[in-house]
Amino acid sequence: MLGTRLSTDMTRSRRGTLSLYGQAVWMHALLNRTYTDFTAQFSNPGMVNFSSNSKFTVRGNDPGRDWMVLGIGLNYDLAHWRLFGGYNAFTNDQQTLHTGNAGLAYGW
């Protein structure tokens, strides 16, 4: 992974600090093959008459090797507490995935 994250404090007060961040990251998988083949066969429980040649192969999804991750989020810090939320888009030439996160953290 290689990227950058920029952050700025939008509001500071006695009650806490609201900050906004944005990030851009490049991710690269080092494996040559990113999908998996599965070979399976239906079992014969005695009720169904399957042929003896009922094997089949399923190829898993090939998600690609290179991804661009773009994200944006907010943090609100108050004393030892942090309320946070964010959005990330993972995209490459094959697909785009959208994720979100939110939470409350306490630090000491």
N, C-alpha and C. Protein backbone atom coordinates (compact mmCIF):
# COMPACT_ATOMS: atom_id res chain seq x y z
N MET A 1 0.84 -1.17 0.00
CA MET A 1 0.00 0.00 0.00
C MET A 1 0.89 1.23 0.00
N LEU A 2 0.47 2.20 -0.78
CA LEU A 2 1.19 3.45 -0.86
C LEU A 2 0.15 4.54 -1.03
N GLY A 3 0.19 5.57 -0.18
CA GLY A 3 -0.82 6.60 -0.30
C GLY A 3 -0.56 7.79 0.59
N THR A 4 -1.58 8.62 0.67
CA THR A 4 -1.49 9.82 1.48
C THR A 4 -2.83 10.06 2.18
N ARG A 5 -2.74 10.77 3.28
CA ARG A 5 -3.95 11.15 4.03
C ARG A 5 -3.77 12.58 4.48
N LEU A 6 -4.75 13.41 4.15
CA LEU A 6 -4.73 14.82 4.53
C LEU A 6 -5.85 15.06 5.53
N SER A 7 -5.57 15.90 6.53
CA SER A 7 -6.55 16.16 7.58
C SER A 7 -6.50 17.63 7.96
N THR A 8 -7.67 18.16 8.32
CA THR A 8 -7.73 19.53 8.80
C THR A 8 -8.76 19.64 9.91
N ASP A 9 -8.46 20.50 10.89
CA ASP A 9 -9.42 20.77 11.96
C ASP A 9 -10.41 21.81 11.45
N MET A 10 -11.69 21.45 11.44
CA MET A 10 -12.71 22.36 10.95
C MET A 10 -13.21 23.28 12.06
N THR A 11 -13.37 22.74 13.25
CA THR A 11 -13.90 23.50 14.38
C THR A 11 -13.17 23.09 15.64
N ARG A 12 -12.72 24.09 16.40
CA ARG A 12 -12.13 23.83 17.71
C ARG A 12 -12.90 24.64 18.73
N SER A 13 -13.25 24.01 19.80
CA SER A 13 -13.96 24.71 20.88
C SER A 13 -13.60 24.03 22.20
N ARG A 14 -14.16 24.56 23.29
CA ARG A 14 -13.94 23.93 24.59
C ARG A 14 -14.58 22.55 24.63
N ARG A 15 -15.58 22.34 23.81
CA ARG A 15 -16.28 21.06 23.80
C ARG A 15 -15.54 19.98 23.02
N GLY A 16 -14.71 20.36 22.07
CA GLY A 16 -14.00 19.34 21.30
C GLY A 16 -13.54 19.87 19.95
N THR A 17 -13.00 18.97 19.17
CA THR A 17 -12.45 19.31 17.86
C THR A 17 -13.10 18.44 16.79
N LEU A 18 -13.62 19.07 15.76
CA LEU A 18 -14.17 18.37 14.61
C LEU A 18 -13.15 18.45 13.48
N SER A 19 -12.73 17.31 12.96
CA SER A 19 -11.74 17.30 11.89
C SER A 19 -12.24 16.47 10.71
N LEU A 20 -11.82 16.87 9.53
CA LEU A 20 -12.16 16.21 8.28
C LEU A 20 -10.89 15.62 7.68
N TYR A 21 -10.98 14.43 7.12
CA TYR A 21 -9.82 13.85 6.45
C TYR A 21 -10.21 13.26 5.10
N GLY A 22 -9.25 13.21 4.22
CA GLY A 22 -9.39 12.57 2.92
C GLY A 22 -8.15 11.74 2.67
N GLN A 23 -8.31 10.64 1.94
CA GLN A 23 -7.17 9.78 1.68
C GLN A 23 -7.24 9.19 0.28
N ALA A 24 -6.08 8.92 -0.27
CA ALA A 24 -5.94 8.24 -1.56
C ALA A 24 -4.82 7.22 -1.40
N VAL A 25 -5.12 5.96 -1.72
CA VAL A 25 -4.17 4.87 -1.50
C VAL A 25 -4.16 3.97 -2.73
N TRP A 26 -2.98 3.51 -3.12
CA TRP A 26 -2.84 2.49 -4.16
C TRP A 26 -2.48 1.19 -3.47
N MET A 27 -3.23 0.13 -3.77
CA MET A 27 -2.96 -1.20 -3.22
C MET A 27 -2.61 -2.14 -4.36
N HIS A 28 -1.59 -2.97 -4.16
CA HIS A 28 -1.18 -3.93 -5.18
C HIS A 28 -1.03 -5.30 -4.52
N ALA A 29 -1.67 -6.32 -5.09
CA ALA A 29 -1.52 -7.69 -4.62
C ALA A 29 -0.29 -8.30 -5.26
N LEU A 30 0.55 -8.94 -4.49
CA LEU A 30 1.79 -9.51 -4.99
C LEU A 30 1.62 -10.92 -5.54
N LEU A 31 0.46 -11.52 -5.38
CA LEU A 31 0.22 -12.86 -5.90
C LEU A 31 -0.03 -12.80 -7.41
N ASN A 32 0.39 -13.83 -8.13
CA ASN A 32 0.16 -13.88 -9.57
C ASN A 32 -1.29 -14.23 -9.90
N ARG A 33 -1.90 -15.05 -9.08
CA ARG A 33 -3.24 -15.53 -9.36
C ARG A 33 -4.15 -15.11 -8.21
N THR A 34 -5.18 -14.35 -8.50
CA THR A 34 -6.02 -13.83 -7.44
C THR A 34 -7.38 -14.51 -7.38
N TYR A 35 -7.61 -15.53 -8.18
CA TYR A 35 -8.85 -16.29 -8.10
C TYR A 35 -8.54 -17.72 -7.70
N THR A 36 -9.57 -18.48 -7.36
CA THR A 36 -9.39 -19.86 -6.92
C THR A 36 -10.34 -20.76 -7.68
N ASP A 37 -9.87 -21.92 -8.12
CA ASP A 37 -10.71 -22.94 -8.75
C ASP A 37 -11.12 -23.96 -7.70
N PHE A 38 -12.40 -24.33 -7.71
CA PHE A 38 -12.91 -25.38 -6.84
C PHE A 38 -13.50 -26.47 -7.71
N THR A 39 -13.15 -27.71 -7.44
CA THR A 39 -13.76 -28.84 -8.13
C THR A 39 -14.65 -29.55 -7.13
N ALA A 40 -15.87 -29.83 -7.56
CA ALA A 40 -16.85 -30.45 -6.66
C ALA A 40 -17.61 -31.54 -7.40
N GLN A 41 -18.35 -32.33 -6.63
CA GLN A 41 -19.17 -33.39 -7.20
C GLN A 41 -20.38 -33.56 -6.30
N PHE A 42 -21.55 -33.76 -6.92
CA PHE A 42 -22.75 -34.02 -6.14
C PHE A 42 -22.66 -35.42 -5.55
N SER A 43 -23.07 -35.55 -4.31
CA SER A 43 -23.11 -36.88 -3.70
C SER A 43 -24.44 -37.52 -4.05
N ASN A 44 -24.49 -38.83 -3.98
CA ASN A 44 -25.71 -39.56 -4.31
C ASN A 44 -26.28 -40.14 -3.02
N PRO A 45 -27.28 -39.47 -2.45
CA PRO A 45 -27.85 -39.97 -1.19
C PRO A 45 -28.79 -41.14 -1.40
N GLY A 46 -28.89 -41.68 -2.61
CA GLY A 46 -29.77 -42.81 -2.85
C GLY A 46 -31.11 -42.41 -3.42
N MET A 47 -31.45 -41.12 -3.32
CA MET A 47 -32.75 -40.67 -3.82
C MET A 47 -32.66 -40.16 -5.26
N VAL A 48 -31.51 -39.65 -5.64
CA VAL A 48 -31.33 -39.06 -6.96
C VAL A 48 -30.28 -39.87 -7.69
N ASN A 49 -30.49 -40.11 -8.96
CA ASN A 49 -29.57 -40.92 -9.73
C ASN A 49 -28.66 -40.01 -10.55
N PHE A 50 -27.53 -39.60 -9.96
CA PHE A 50 -26.55 -38.78 -10.67
C PHE A 50 -25.62 -39.68 -11.46
N SER A 51 -25.14 -39.18 -12.58
CA SER A 51 -24.16 -39.95 -13.34
C SER A 51 -22.84 -39.94 -12.57
N SER A 52 -21.99 -40.90 -12.87
CA SER A 52 -20.71 -40.98 -12.17
C SER A 52 -19.78 -39.85 -12.59
N ASN A 53 -20.10 -39.16 -13.67
CA ASN A 53 -19.27 -38.07 -14.16
C ASN A 53 -19.94 -36.73 -13.84
N SER A 54 -20.33 -36.53 -12.61
CA SER A 54 -21.04 -35.30 -12.23
C SER A 54 -20.12 -34.26 -11.60
N LYS A 55 -18.81 -34.36 -11.85
CA LYS A 55 -17.88 -33.37 -11.32
C LYS A 55 -18.00 -32.07 -12.11
N PHE A 56 -17.77 -30.96 -11.41
CA PHE A 56 -17.79 -29.66 -12.07
C PHE A 56 -16.79 -28.75 -11.38
N THR A 57 -16.37 -27.72 -12.08
CA THR A 57 -15.39 -26.77 -11.57
C THR A 57 -16.01 -25.39 -11.50
N VAL A 58 -15.78 -24.73 -10.39
CA VAL A 58 -16.26 -23.36 -10.19
C VAL A 58 -15.04 -22.47 -10.03
N ARG A 59 -14.98 -21.41 -10.80
CA ARG A 59 -13.87 -20.46 -10.69
C ARG A 59 -14.33 -19.28 -9.85
N GLY A 60 -13.56 -18.97 -8.82
CA GLY A 60 -13.88 -17.84 -7.96
C GLY A 60 -13.66 -16.51 -8.65
N ASN A 61 -14.07 -15.48 -8.01
CA ASN A 61 -13.95 -14.13 -8.54
C ASN A 61 -12.48 -13.71 -8.63
N ASP A 62 -12.12 -13.03 -9.70
CA ASP A 62 -10.78 -12.45 -9.86
C ASP A 62 -10.90 -10.97 -9.56
N PRO A 63 -10.58 -10.54 -8.35
CA PRO A 63 -10.80 -9.14 -7.99
C PRO A 63 -9.78 -8.17 -8.58
N GLY A 64 -8.76 -8.67 -9.24
CA GLY A 64 -7.75 -7.77 -9.79
C GLY A 64 -6.59 -7.59 -8.82
N ARG A 65 -5.49 -7.06 -9.34
CA ARG A 65 -4.29 -6.92 -8.52
C ARG A 65 -4.05 -5.50 -8.06
N ASP A 66 -4.53 -4.52 -8.78
CA ASP A 66 -4.29 -3.12 -8.44
C ASP A 66 -5.60 -2.42 -8.09
N TRP A 67 -5.58 -1.69 -6.99
CA TRP A 67 -6.76 -0.99 -6.50
C TRP A 67 -6.42 0.44 -6.14
N MET A 68 -7.34 1.34 -6.40
CA MET A 68 -7.27 2.71 -5.90
C MET A 68 -8.33 2.82 -4.81
N VAL A 69 -7.92 3.29 -3.64
CA VAL A 69 -8.83 3.47 -2.52
C VAL A 69 -8.94 4.96 -2.25
N LEU A 70 -10.15 5.48 -2.36
CA LEU A 70 -10.41 6.89 -2.07
C LEU A 70 -11.35 6.96 -0.88
N GLY A 71 -11.05 7.82 0.08
CA GLY A 71 -11.87 7.87 1.28
C GLY A 71 -12.00 9.27 1.83
N ILE A 72 -13.05 9.44 2.62
CA ILE A 72 -13.32 10.71 3.29
C ILE A 72 -13.96 10.37 4.64
N GLY A 73 -13.72 11.21 5.65
CA GLY A 73 -14.31 10.93 6.95
C GLY A 73 -14.24 12.11 7.89
N LEU A 74 -14.93 11.95 9.01
CA LEU A 74 -14.99 12.97 10.07
C LEU A 74 -14.59 12.33 11.39
N ASN A 75 -13.90 13.11 12.21
CA ASN A 75 -13.59 12.72 13.60
C ASN A 75 -14.04 13.85 14.51
N TYR A 76 -14.64 13.49 15.63
CA TYR A 76 -14.97 14.48 16.66
C TYR A 76 -14.30 14.03 17.94
N ASP A 77 -13.32 14.81 18.40
CA ASP A 77 -12.55 14.48 19.61
C ASP A 77 -13.01 15.34 20.77
N LEU A 78 -13.31 14.68 21.89
CA LEU A 78 -13.73 15.36 23.11
C LEU A 78 -13.05 14.66 24.29
N ALA A 79 -12.08 15.32 24.89
CA ALA A 79 -11.29 14.76 25.99
C ALA A 79 -10.70 13.41 25.56
N HIS A 80 -11.07 12.33 26.21
CA HIS A 80 -10.55 11.00 25.87
C HIS A 80 -11.41 10.27 24.85
N TRP A 81 -12.49 10.87 24.42
CA TRP A 81 -13.44 10.21 23.51
C TRP A 81 -13.23 10.65 22.07
N ARG A 82 -13.50 9.74 21.15
CA ARG A 82 -13.49 10.08 19.72
C ARG A 82 -14.70 9.41 19.06
N LEU A 83 -15.50 10.23 18.38
CA LEU A 83 -16.61 9.76 17.56
C LEU A 83 -16.15 9.89 16.11
N PHE A 84 -16.27 8.82 15.32
CA PHE A 84 -15.73 8.87 13.97
C PHE A 84 -16.67 8.19 12.97
N GLY A 85 -16.53 8.58 11.73
CA GLY A 85 -17.28 7.98 10.64
C GLY A 85 -16.57 8.25 9.33
N GLY A 86 -16.70 7.33 8.39
CA GLY A 86 -16.01 7.52 7.13
C GLY A 86 -16.59 6.68 6.01
N TYR A 87 -16.14 6.97 4.81
CA TYR A 87 -16.56 6.29 3.59
C TYR A 87 -15.31 5.99 2.76
N ASN A 88 -15.24 4.80 2.18
CA ASN A 88 -14.15 4.42 1.29
C ASN A 88 -14.72 3.80 0.02
N ALA A 89 -14.12 4.12 -1.11
CA ALA A 89 -14.43 3.48 -2.39
C ALA A 89 -13.18 2.76 -2.87
N PHE A 90 -13.28 1.46 -3.05
CA PHE A 90 -12.20 0.64 -3.58
C PHE A 90 -12.53 0.39 -5.05
N THR A 91 -11.68 0.81 -5.96
CA THR A 91 -12.01 0.68 -7.38
C THR A 91 -10.82 0.21 -8.19
N ASN A 92 -11.11 -0.56 -9.24
CA ASN A 92 -10.11 -0.94 -10.24
C ASN A 92 -10.83 -1.11 -11.57
N ASP A 93 -10.17 -1.70 -12.56
CA ASP A 93 -10.77 -1.80 -13.89
C ASP A 93 -11.88 -2.85 -13.97
N GLN A 94 -12.11 -3.63 -12.90
CA GLN A 94 -13.11 -4.69 -12.92
C GLN A 94 -14.33 -4.41 -12.05
N GLN A 95 -14.16 -3.66 -10.98
CA GLN A 95 -15.28 -3.46 -10.06
C GLN A 95 -15.01 -2.30 -9.12
N THR A 96 -16.07 -1.87 -8.44
CA THR A 96 -15.99 -0.83 -7.42
C THR A 96 -16.73 -1.32 -6.19
N LEU A 97 -16.09 -1.20 -5.04
CA LEU A 97 -16.69 -1.59 -3.77
C LEU A 97 -16.82 -0.35 -2.88
N HIS A 98 -17.94 -0.23 -2.19
CA HIS A 98 -18.19 0.91 -1.30
C HIS A 98 -18.28 0.39 0.13
N THR A 99 -17.55 1.03 1.03
CA THR A 99 -17.59 0.64 2.44
C THR A 99 -17.74 1.88 3.31
N GLY A 100 -18.28 1.67 4.48
CA GLY A 100 -18.40 2.75 5.45
C GLY A 100 -18.01 2.25 6.82
N ASN A 101 -17.70 3.18 7.70
CA ASN A 101 -17.37 2.81 9.07
C ASN A 101 -17.83 3.93 9.99
N ALA A 102 -18.12 3.55 11.20
CA ALA A 102 -18.52 4.51 12.24
C ALA A 102 -18.21 3.88 13.58
N GLY A 103 -17.94 4.72 14.56
CA GLY A 103 -17.65 4.16 15.86
C GLY A 103 -17.41 5.20 16.92
N LEU A 104 -17.21 4.70 18.11
CA LEU A 104 -16.91 5.51 19.28
C LEU A 104 -15.72 4.85 19.97
N ALA A 105 -14.68 5.64 20.25
CA ALA A 105 -13.47 5.10 20.87
C ALA A 105 -13.12 5.90 22.12
N TYR A 106 -12.54 5.21 23.08
CA TYR A 106 -12.05 5.84 24.30
C TYR A 106 -10.56 5.55 24.41
N GLY A 107 -9.77 6.57 24.62
CA GLY A 107 -8.32 6.39 24.77
C GLY A 107 -7.85 6.89 26.13
N TRP A 108 -6.84 6.23 26.67
CA TRP A 108 -6.29 6.66 27.95
C TRP A 108 -4.80 6.69 27.90
